[in-house]
Amino acid sequence: MSCPVSPKLDFGGTTPYEDYVHASVLHTLQQQWSKDPREMSFLVITQVMELYFGLLCFEWRQAQTELRADDLRAAVRTLRRSDLHLQALSAAWRPIARMTPTEFNSFRDALGEGSGFQSGMYREMEFLLGEKSRSMLVPHRAVPAMHDQLEKSLGEPSLYDDVLAALQRRGFDIPQSVLDRDLTKAYEPSAEVEQVWAAIYRGNDRDLLELGEALTDIAEEFARWRYDHLLATRRSMGSKVGTGGSAGVAWLEKRTQRAVFPELWTARSYV
């Protein structure tokens, strides 16, 4: 029998793992502002969420590239992968949601006016999903690079815009007025687009059905993330004013009522 091969231990400097992952840098980014040990959990989970926001933006831009190349199967694979990221993102709420009000209050003052509402990458994520609003650029004015990126994203097609454009190229009756609308404003439902999705769901084109279901999975998981955010906030701080000065629970309740890719939900009534 051959002897098991031991892993290489000495690389004469940093390890290839460190060079690739930059783990030592990641583990220096947790700067507690209080002495409460629970703050570290909150801080790490928040940073993990930020990484997932960035990853989701990357994946959805990749899906846009594939849609523009009319490679629907590749786009669906990318969208399916991003749905798994969203599931992991939602799971990250659980430790925060289990904090009692007293536990959360033990380090809440350290946040000052800081709030996830101010996350530039989360805003980018919303813009990619068609949830656009020029007023949402205001919190980012003090960070020029982020503000410039968000302003650019505000005027660019969302993921759903590229889906609808791809459907039009395949011969579906997507109104030109929908594609040519003011892209800096939130997407509004269209009766014509609703009928296109109803026709797709009545048909047997597996590629298009897979596209519709992949998008619906994303919409559902994003709605779940928003709702989990609402529950975590309600559980840890009740109806207090949010850390960023928002209405807290009332603001989050309003956000959970908006569905992304709206016609994918309403079209099912006509199938």
C-alpha atoms as a PDB file:
ATOM      1  CA  MET A   1       0.000   0.000   0.000  1.00  0.00           C
ATOM      2  CA  SER A   2       1.243   3.485  -0.797  1.00  0.00           C
ATOM      3  CA  CYS A   3       1.638   5.891   2.074  1.00  0.00           C
ATOM      4  CA  PRO A   4      -0.782   8.801   2.209  1.00  0.00           C
ATOM      5  CA  VAL A   5       0.697  11.982   0.823  1.00  0.00           C
ATOM      6  CA  SER A   6       0.959  14.746   3.429  1.00  0.00           C
ATOM      7  CA  PRO A   7      -0.136  18.235   2.395  1.00  0.00           C
ATOM      8  CA  LYS A   8       2.570  20.738   1.628  1.00  0.00           C
ATOM      9  CA  LEU A   9       3.127  22.877   4.707  1.00  0.00           C
ATOM     10  CA  ASP A  10       5.862  25.346   3.853  1.00  0.00           C
ATOM     11  CA  PHE A  11       5.301  27.775   0.976  1.00  0.00           C
ATOM     12  CA  GLY A  12       8.172  30.112   1.795  1.00  0.00           C
ATOM     13  CA  GLY A  13       5.833  33.054   2.442  1.00  0.00           C
ATOM     14  CA  THR A  14       2.081  33.440   2.450  1.00  0.00           C
ATOM     15  CA  THR A  15      -0.019  30.449   1.471  1.00  0.00           C
ATOM     16  CA  PRO A  16      -1.735  30.230  -1.923  1.00  0.00           C
ATOM     17  CA  TYR A  17      -5.019  30.187   0.031  1.00  0.00           C
ATOM     18  CA  GLU A  18      -4.184  33.529   1.628  1.00  0.00           C
ATOM     19  CA  ASP A  19      -3.114  34.993  -1.705  1.00  0.00           C
ATOM     20  CA  TYR A  20      -6.426  33.945  -3.267  1.00  0.00           C
ATOM     21  CA  VAL A  21      -8.924  34.599  -0.443  1.00  0.00           C
ATOM     22  CA  HIS A  22      -7.149  37.394   1.471  1.00  0.00           C
ATOM     23  CA  ALA A  23      -8.521  35.895   4.683  1.00  0.00           C
ATOM     24  CA  SER A  24      -6.129  37.869   6.895  1.00  0.00           C
ATOM     25  CA  VAL A  25      -7.558  41.092   5.430  1.00  0.00           C
ATOM     26  CA  LEU A  26     -11.165  39.932   5.917  1.00  0.00           C
ATOM     27  CA  HIS A  27     -10.527  39.186   9.587  1.00  0.00           C
ATOM     28  CA  THR A  28      -9.220  42.692  10.260  1.00  0.00           C
ATOM     29  CA  LEU A  29     -12.457  44.353   9.091  1.00  0.00           C
ATOM     30  CA  GLN A  30     -14.499  43.668  12.232  1.00  0.00           C
ATOM     31  CA  GLN A  31     -14.059  46.778  14.376  1.00  0.00           C
ATOM     32  CA  GLN A  32     -16.316  46.667  17.427  1.00  0.00           C
ATOM     33  CA  TRP A  33     -17.573  50.000  18.734  1.00  0.00           C
ATOM     34  CA  SER A  34     -18.834  48.578  22.020  1.00  0.00           C
ATOM     35  CA  LYS A  35     -17.604  45.997  24.509  1.00  0.00           C
ATOM     36  CA  ASP A  36     -20.653  43.809  24.094  1.00  0.00           C
ATOM     37  CA  PRO A  37     -19.720  40.424  22.554  1.00  0.00           C
ATOM     38  CA  ARG A  38     -23.027  40.264  20.661  1.00  0.00           C
ATOM     39  CA  GLU A  39     -21.929  43.184  18.516  1.00  0.00           C
ATOM     40  CA  MET A  40     -19.331  40.959  16.825  1.00  0.00           C
ATOM     41  CA  SER A  41     -22.079  38.592  15.672  1.00  0.00           C
ATOM     42  CA  PHE A  42     -24.112  41.508  14.310  1.00  0.00           C
ATOM     43  CA  LEU A  43     -21.073  43.028  12.597  1.00  0.00           C
ATOM     44  CA  VAL A  44     -19.874  39.821  10.910  1.00  0.00           C
ATOM     45  CA  ILE A  45     -23.374  38.904   9.710  1.00  0.00           C
ATOM     46  CA  THR A  46     -23.862  42.414   8.308  1.00  0.00           C
ATOM     47  CA  GLN A  47     -20.552  42.163   6.436  1.00  0.00           C
ATOM     48  CA  VAL A  48     -21.494  38.717   5.111  1.00  0.00           C
ATOM     49  CA  MET A  49     -24.739  40.230   3.828  1.00  0.00           C
ATOM     50  CA  GLU A  50     -22.766  42.980   2.085  1.00  0.00           C
ATOM     51  CA  LEU A  51     -20.629  40.349   0.339  1.00  0.00           C
ATOM     52  CA  TYR A  52     -23.778  38.577  -0.810  1.00  0.00           C
ATOM     53  CA  PHE A  53     -25.238  41.861  -2.087  1.00  0.00           C
ATOM     54  CA  GLY A  54     -22.139  42.310  -4.231  1.00  0.00           C
ATOM     55  CA  LEU A  55     -22.241  38.715  -5.419  1.00  0.00           C
ATOM     56  CA  LEU A  56     -25.898  38.985  -6.425  1.00  0.00           C
ATOM     57  CA  CYS A  57     -25.207  42.169  -8.385  1.00  0.00           C
ATOM     58  CA  PHE A  58     -22.368  40.373 -10.152  1.00  0.00           C
ATOM     59  CA  GLU A  59     -24.586  37.387 -11.016  1.00  0.00           C
ATOM     60  CA  TRP A  60     -27.477  39.493 -12.286  1.00  0.00           C
ATOM     61  CA  ARG A  61     -25.171  41.539 -14.490  1.00  0.00           C
ATOM     62  CA  GLN A  62     -23.795  38.274 -15.848  1.00  0.00           C
ATOM     63  CA  ALA A  63     -27.365  37.142 -16.577  1.00  0.00           C
ATOM     64  CA  GLN A  64     -27.976  40.444 -18.388  1.00  0.00           C
ATOM     65  CA  THR A  65     -24.933  39.786 -20.603  1.00  0.00           C
ATOM     66  CA  GLU A  66     -26.265  36.308 -21.433  1.00  0.00           C
ATOM     67  CA  LEU A  67     -29.766  37.609 -22.133  1.00  0.00           C
ATOM     68  CA  ARG A  68     -28.381  40.232 -24.504  1.00  0.00           C
ATOM     69  CA  ALA A  69     -26.598  37.427 -26.338  1.00  0.00           C
ATOM     70  CA  ASP A  70     -29.938  35.537 -26.481  1.00  0.00           C
ATOM     71  CA  ASP A  71     -28.396  32.658 -24.521  1.00  0.00           C
ATOM     72  CA  LEU A  72     -31.442  31.928 -22.371  1.00  0.00           C
ATOM     73  CA  ARG A  73     -30.145  28.627 -21.032  1.00  0.00           C
ATOM     74  CA  ALA A  74     -26.965  30.227 -19.730  1.00  0.00           C
ATOM     75  CA  ALA A  75     -29.004  33.068 -18.230  1.00  0.00           C
ATOM     76  CA  VAL A  76     -31.279  30.594 -16.452  1.00  0.00           C
ATOM     77  CA  ARG A  77     -28.277  28.753 -14.991  1.00  0.00           C
ATOM     78  CA  THR A  78     -26.941  32.051 -13.680  1.00  0.00           C
ATOM     79  CA  LEU A  79     -30.330  33.036 -12.252  1.00  0.00           C
ATOM     80  CA  ARG A  80     -30.691  29.646 -10.560  1.00  0.00           C
ATOM     81  CA  ARG A  81     -27.272  30.090  -8.980  1.00  0.00           C
ATOM     82  CA  SER A  82     -28.220  33.545  -7.730  1.00  0.00           C
ATOM     83  CA  ASP A  83     -31.363  32.120  -6.120  1.00  0.00           C
ATOM     84  CA  LEU A  84     -29.126  29.898  -3.960  1.00  0.00           C
ATOM     85  CA  HIS A  85     -27.184  33.003  -2.917  1.00  0.00           C
ATOM     86  CA  LEU A  86     -30.456  34.678  -1.951  1.00  0.00           C
ATOM     87  CA  GLN A  87     -31.386  31.677   0.183  1.00  0.00           C
ATOM     88  CA  ALA A  88     -28.080  31.951   2.044  1.00  0.00           C
ATOM     89  CA  LEU A  89     -28.614  35.698   2.420  1.00  0.00           C
ATOM     90  CA  SER A  90     -32.024  35.114   4.002  1.00  0.00           C
ATOM     91  CA  ALA A  91     -30.576  32.538   6.399  1.00  0.00           C
ATOM     92  CA  ALA A  92     -28.162  35.176   7.701  1.00  0.00           C
ATOM     93  CA  TRP A  93     -31.058  36.945   9.452  1.00  0.00           C
ATOM     94  CA  ARG A  94     -31.609  34.123  11.935  1.00  0.00           C
ATOM     95  CA  PRO A  95     -28.941  34.967  14.533  1.00  0.00           C
ATOM     96  CA  ILE A  96     -29.948  38.655  14.471  1.00  0.00           C
ATOM     97  CA  ALA A  97     -33.644  37.781  14.676  1.00  0.00           C
ATOM     98  CA  ARG A  98     -33.034  35.738  17.834  1.00  0.00           C
ATOM     99  CA  MET A  99     -31.638  38.710  19.756  1.00  0.00           C
ATOM    100  CA  THR A 100     -33.961  39.997  22.460  1.00  0.00           C
ATOM    101  CA  PRO A 101     -34.605  43.765  22.612  1.00  0.00           C
ATOM    102  CA  THR A 102     -32.285  44.003  25.630  1.00  0.00           C
ATOM    103  CA  GLU A 103     -29.504  42.164  23.798  1.00  0.00           C
ATOM    104  CA  PHE A 104     -29.828  44.349  20.711  1.00  0.00           C
ATOM    105  CA  ASN A 105     -29.991  47.522  22.805  1.00  0.00           C
ATOM    106  CA  SER A 106     -26.743  46.528  24.519  1.00  0.00           C
ATOM    107  CA  PHE A 107     -24.793  47.644  21.442  1.00  0.00           C
ATOM    108  CA  ARG A 108     -27.371  49.567  19.390  1.00  0.00           C
ATOM    109  CA  ASP A 109     -25.967  52.957  20.416  1.00  0.00           C
ATOM    110  CA  ALA A 110     -22.697  51.966  18.723  1.00  0.00           C
ATOM    111  CA  LEU A 111     -24.526  52.033  15.376  1.00  0.00           C
ATOM    112  CA  GLY A 112     -25.340  55.723  15.801  1.00  0.00           C
ATOM    113  CA  GLU A 113     -27.280  56.686  12.672  1.00  0.00           C
ATOM    114  CA  GLY A 114     -25.892  53.726  10.756  1.00  0.00           C
ATOM    115  CA  SER A 115     -28.477  51.559   9.010  1.00  0.00           C
ATOM    116  CA  GLY A 116     -28.605  48.874   6.353  1.00  0.00           C
ATOM    117  CA  PHE A 117     -30.875  51.323   4.536  1.00  0.00           C
ATOM    118  CA  GLN A 118     -27.653  53.205   3.675  1.00  0.00           C
ATOM    119  CA  SER A 119     -25.996  50.228   1.956  1.00  0.00           C
ATOM    120  CA  GLY A 120     -24.930  51.256  -1.532  1.00  0.00           C
ATOM    121  CA  MET A 121     -24.619  47.672  -2.732  1.00  0.00           C
ATOM    122  CA  TYR A 122     -28.106  46.816  -1.500  1.00  0.00           C
ATOM    123  CA  ARG A 123     -29.390  49.867  -3.403  1.00  0.00           C
ATOM    124  CA  GLU A 124     -27.596  48.564  -6.503  1.00  0.00           C
ATOM    125  CA  MET A 125     -29.352  45.256  -5.986  1.00  0.00           C
ATOM    126  CA  GLU A 126     -32.751  46.956  -5.820  1.00  0.00           C
ATOM    127  CA  PHE A 127     -32.006  48.958  -8.966  1.00  0.00           C
ATOM    128  CA  LEU A 128     -31.099  45.759 -10.824  1.00  0.00           C
ATOM    129  CA  LEU A 129     -34.461  44.311  -9.784  1.00  0.00           C
ATOM    130  CA  GLY A 130     -36.307  47.358 -11.138  1.00  0.00           C
ATOM    131  CA  GLU A 131     -36.917  49.023  -7.764  1.00  0.00           C
ATOM    132  CA  LYS A 132     -35.601  52.420  -8.798  1.00  0.00           C
ATOM    133  CA  SER A 133     -35.890  55.835  -7.172  1.00  0.00           C
ATOM    134  CA  ARG A 134     -33.707  58.896  -7.690  1.00  0.00           C
ATOM    135  CA  SER A 135     -34.294  59.974  -4.099  1.00  0.00           C
ATOM    136  CA  MET A 136     -32.457  56.851  -2.960  1.00  0.00           C
ATOM    137  CA  LEU A 137     -29.220  58.342  -4.302  1.00  0.00           C
ATOM    138  CA  VAL A 138     -29.256  61.008  -1.577  1.00  0.00           C
ATOM    139  CA  PRO A 139     -27.716  58.923   1.254  1.00  0.00           C
ATOM    140  CA  HIS A 140     -24.697  58.160  -0.959  1.00  0.00           C
ATOM    141  CA  ARG A 141     -23.698  61.699  -1.964  1.00  0.00           C
ATOM    142  CA  ALA A 142     -20.833  61.719   0.529  1.00  0.00           C
ATOM    143  CA  VAL A 143     -19.271  58.657  -1.159  1.00  0.00           C
ATOM    144  CA  PRO A 144     -18.685  59.906  -4.719  1.00  0.00           C
ATOM    145  CA  ALA A 145     -17.624  56.588  -6.256  1.00  0.00           C
ATOM    146  CA  MET A 146     -20.713  54.805  -4.927  1.00  0.00           C
ATOM    147  CA  HIS A 147     -22.986  57.702  -5.848  1.00  0.00           C
ATOM    148  CA  ASP A 148     -21.623  57.771  -9.411  1.00  0.00           C
ATOM    149  CA  GLN A 149     -22.110  54.013  -9.789  1.00  0.00           C
ATOM    150  CA  LEU A 150     -25.672  54.169  -8.492  1.00  0.00           C
ATOM    151  CA  GLU A 151     -26.520  57.116 -10.712  1.00  0.00           C
ATOM    152  CA  LYS A 152     -25.228  55.138 -13.688  1.00  0.00           C
ATOM    153  CA  SER A 153     -27.237  52.062 -12.642  1.00  0.00           C
ATOM    154  CA  LEU A 154     -30.346  54.194 -12.189  1.00  0.00           C
ATOM    155  CA  GLY A 155     -30.430  54.979 -15.919  1.00  0.00           C
ATOM    156  CA  GLU A 156     -29.507  51.494 -17.134  1.00  0.00           C
ATOM    157  CA  PRO A 157     -31.857  48.600 -17.931  1.00  0.00           C
ATOM    158  CA  SER A 158     -32.758  46.386 -14.996  1.00  0.00           C
ATOM    159  CA  LEU A 159     -32.517  42.609 -15.169  1.00  0.00           C
ATOM    160  CA  TYR A 160     -36.231  42.455 -15.970  1.00  0.00           C
ATOM    161  CA  ASP A 161     -35.825  45.022 -18.758  1.00  0.00           C
ATOM    162  CA  ASP A 162     -33.302  42.714 -20.415  1.00  0.00           C
ATOM    163  CA  VAL A 163     -35.663  39.763 -19.984  1.00  0.00           C
ATOM    164  CA  LEU A 164     -38.483  41.664 -21.698  1.00  0.00           C
ATOM    165  CA  ALA A 165     -36.167  42.817 -24.506  1.00  0.00           C
ATOM    166  CA  ALA A 166     -35.092  39.192 -25.066  1.00  0.00           C
ATOM    167  CA  LEU A 167     -38.747  38.118 -25.222  1.00  0.00           C
ATOM    168  CA  GLN A 168     -39.494  40.822 -27.781  1.00  0.00           C
ATOM    169  CA  ARG A 169     -36.616  39.609 -29.951  1.00  0.00           C
ATOM    170  CA  ARG A 170     -38.170  36.142 -29.828  1.00  0.00           C
ATOM    171  CA  GLY A 171     -41.365  37.534 -31.314  1.00  0.00           C
ATOM    172  CA  PHE A 172     -43.463  38.235 -28.233  1.00  0.00           C
ATOM    173  CA  ASP A 173     -45.636  41.333 -28.171  1.00  0.00           C
ATOM    174  CA  ILE A 174     -43.740  43.361 -25.568  1.00  0.00           C
ATOM    175  CA  PRO A 175     -44.834  46.996 -26.091  1.00  0.00           C
ATOM    176  CA  GLN A 176     -42.024  49.265 -27.241  1.00  0.00           C
ATOM    177  CA  SER A 177     -43.330  51.833 -24.779  1.00  0.00           C
ATOM    178  CA  VAL A 178     -42.388  49.484 -21.937  1.00  0.00           C
ATOM    179  CA  LEU A 179     -38.814  49.124 -23.188  1.00  0.00           C
ATOM    180  CA  ASP A 180     -38.475  52.836 -24.032  1.00  0.00           C
ATOM    181  CA  ARG A 181     -39.899  54.171 -20.767  1.00  0.00           C
ATOM    182  CA  ASP A 182     -37.911  56.341 -18.329  1.00  0.00           C
ATOM    183  CA  LEU A 183     -35.496  53.775 -16.874  1.00  0.00           C
ATOM    184  CA  THR A 184     -34.747  55.950 -13.849  1.00  0.00           C
ATOM    185  CA  LYS A 185     -38.222  55.246 -12.470  1.00  0.00           C
ATOM    186  CA  ALA A 186     -39.539  52.102 -10.801  1.00  0.00           C
ATOM    187  CA  TYR A 187     -40.981  49.505 -13.143  1.00  0.00           C
ATOM    188  CA  GLU A 188     -44.767  49.559 -13.329  1.00  0.00           C
ATOM    189  CA  PRO A 189     -46.877  46.525 -14.345  1.00  0.00           C
ATOM    190  CA  SER A 190     -48.123  46.231 -17.913  1.00  0.00           C
ATOM    191  CA  ALA A 191     -51.273  44.371 -18.983  1.00  0.00           C
ATOM    192  CA  GLU A 192     -49.588  43.466 -22.291  1.00  0.00           C
ATOM    193  CA  VAL A 193     -46.547  42.004 -20.529  1.00  0.00           C
ATOM    194  CA  GLU A 194     -48.896  40.083 -18.240  1.00  0.00           C
ATOM    195  CA  GLN A 195     -50.517  38.480 -21.294  1.00  0.00           C
ATOM    196  CA  VAL A 196     -47.111  37.548 -22.713  1.00  0.00           C
ATOM    197  CA  TRP A 197     -46.241  35.651 -19.533  1.00  0.00           C
ATOM    198  CA  ALA A 198     -49.680  34.016 -19.513  1.00  0.00           C
ATOM    199  CA  ALA A 199     -49.042  32.804 -23.085  1.00  0.00           C
ATOM    200  CA  ILE A 200     -45.612  31.469 -22.100  1.00  0.00           C
ATOM    201  CA  TYR A 201     -47.101  29.538 -19.181  1.00  0.00           C
ATOM    202  CA  ARG A 202     -49.829  28.116 -21.391  1.00  0.00           C
ATOM    203  CA  GLY A 203     -47.214  26.992 -23.894  1.00  0.00           C
ATOM    204  CA  ASN A 204     -44.616  24.225 -23.865  1.00  0.00           C
ATOM    205  CA  ASP A 205     -41.335  26.076 -24.560  1.00  0.00           C
ATOM    206  CA  ARG A 206     -39.199  24.664 -21.757  1.00  0.00           C
ATOM    207  CA  ASP A 207     -36.525  27.356 -22.038  1.00  0.00           C
ATOM    208  CA  LEU A 208     -39.057  30.138 -21.556  1.00  0.00           C
ATOM    209  CA  LEU A 209     -40.843  28.299 -18.759  1.00  0.00           C
ATOM    210  CA  GLU A 210     -37.520  27.778 -16.990  1.00  0.00           C
ATOM    211  CA  LEU A 211     -36.756  31.471 -17.396  1.00  0.00           C
ATOM    212  CA  GLY A 212     -40.097  32.445 -15.883  1.00  0.00           C
ATOM    213  CA  GLU A 213     -39.665  30.066 -12.960  1.00  0.00           C
ATOM    214  CA  ALA A 214     -36.080  31.153 -12.281  1.00  0.00           C
ATOM    215  CA  LEU A 215     -37.209  34.778 -12.135  1.00  0.00           C
ATOM    216  CA  THR A 216     -40.158  33.871  -9.913  1.00  0.00           C
ATOM    217  CA  ASP A 217     -37.816  32.033  -7.531  1.00  0.00           C
ATOM    218  CA  ILE A 218     -35.678  35.162  -7.275  1.00  0.00           C
ATOM    219  CA  ALA A 219     -38.708  37.383  -6.718  1.00  0.00           C
ATOM    220  CA  GLU A 220     -40.009  35.024  -4.034  1.00  0.00           C
ATOM    221  CA  GLU A 221     -36.668  34.742  -2.236  1.00  0.00           C
ATOM    222  CA  PHE A 222     -36.143  38.502  -2.370  1.00  0.00           C
ATOM    223  CA  ALA A 223     -39.609  39.001  -0.871  1.00  0.00           C
ATOM    224  CA  ARG A 224     -38.714  36.478   1.826  1.00  0.00           C
ATOM    225  CA  TRP A 225     -35.497  38.361   2.607  1.00  0.00           C
ATOM    226  CA  ARG A 226     -37.453  41.599   2.989  1.00  0.00           C
ATOM    227  CA  TYR A 227     -40.033  39.906   5.189  1.00  0.00           C
ATOM    228  CA  ASP A 228     -37.342  38.272   7.338  1.00  0.00           C
ATOM    229  CA  HIS A 229     -35.784  41.725   7.717  1.00  0.00           C
ATOM    230  CA  LEU A 230     -39.148  43.024   8.898  1.00  0.00           C
ATOM    231  CA  LEU A 231     -39.556  40.173  11.402  1.00  0.00           C
ATOM    232  CA  ALA A 232     -36.002  40.521  12.716  1.00  0.00           C
ATOM    233  CA  THR A 233     -36.530  44.246  13.248  1.00  0.00           C
ATOM    234  CA  ARG A 234     -39.940  43.807  14.830  1.00  0.00           C
ATOM    235  CA  ARG A 235     -38.573  41.134  17.174  1.00  0.00           C
ATOM    236  CA  SER A 236     -35.414  42.957  18.242  1.00  0.00           C
ATOM    237  CA  MET A 237     -36.685  46.542  18.535  1.00  0.00           C
ATOM    238  CA  GLY A 238     -40.462  46.596  18.165  1.00  0.00           C
ATOM    239  CA  SER A 239     -41.844  49.772  16.617  1.00  0.00           C
ATOM    240  CA  LYS A 240     -39.008  52.090  17.639  1.00  0.00           C
ATOM    241  CA  VAL A 241     -37.559  54.549  15.138  1.00  0.00           C
ATOM    242  CA  GLY A 242     -34.947  52.818  12.969  1.00  0.00           C
ATOM    243  CA  THR A 243     -31.229  53.378  13.562  1.00  0.00           C
ATOM    244  CA  GLY A 244     -31.024  55.449  10.363  1.00  0.00           C
ATOM    245  CA  GLY A 245     -33.948  57.635  11.417  1.00  0.00           C
ATOM    246  CA  SER A 246     -36.543  55.777   9.316  1.00  0.00           C
ATOM    247  CA  ALA A 247     -39.937  54.698  10.600  1.00  0.00           C
ATOM    248  CA  GLY A 248     -38.428  51.281  11.304  1.00  0.00           C
ATOM    249  CA  VAL A 249     -41.043  48.542  11.131  1.00  0.00           C
ATOM    250  CA  ALA A 250     -43.584  50.782   9.342  1.00  0.00           C
ATOM    251  CA  TRP A 251     -41.049  51.532   6.575  1.00  0.00           C
ATOM    252  CA  LEU A 252     -40.176  47.849   6.177  1.00  0.00           C
ATOM    253  CA  GLU A 253     -43.839  46.855   6.068  1.00  0.00           C
ATOM    254  CA  LYS A 254     -44.346  49.253   3.173  1.00  0.00           C
ATOM    255  CA  ARG A 255     -41.364  47.779   1.294  1.00  0.00           C
ATOM    256  CA  THR A 256     -42.596  44.191   1.693  1.00  0.00           C
ATOM    257  CA  GLN A 257     -45.781  45.057  -0.195  1.00  0.00           C
ATOM    258  CA  ARG A 258     -43.925  45.650  -3.471  1.00  0.00           C
ATOM    259  CA  ALA A 259     -43.262  42.613  -5.664  1.00  0.00           C
ATOM    260  CA  VAL A 260     -40.470  42.530  -8.243  1.00  0.00           C
ATOM    261  CA  PHE A 261     -41.277  41.112 -11.720  1.00  0.00           C
ATOM    262  CA  PRO A 262     -44.981  41.774 -10.999  1.00  0.00           C
ATOM    263  CA  GLU A 263     -46.545  40.253 -14.117  1.00  0.00           C
ATOM    264  CA  LEU A 264     -44.997  36.879 -13.336  1.00  0.00           C
ATOM    265  CA  TRP A 265     -47.315  36.741 -10.350  1.00  0.00           C
ATOM    266  CA  THR A 266     -50.508  38.153 -11.852  1.00  0.00           C
ATOM    267  CA  ALA A 267     -50.259  36.241 -15.155  1.00  0.00           C
ATOM    268  CA  ARG A 268     -50.894  32.969 -13.302  1.00  0.00           C
ATOM    269  CA  SER A 269     -54.535  33.964 -12.887  1.00  0.00           C
ATOM    270  CA  TYR A 270     -54.969  33.689 -16.676  1.00  0.00           C
ATOM    271  CA  VAL A 271     -53.361  30.285 -17.218  1.00  0.00           C
END
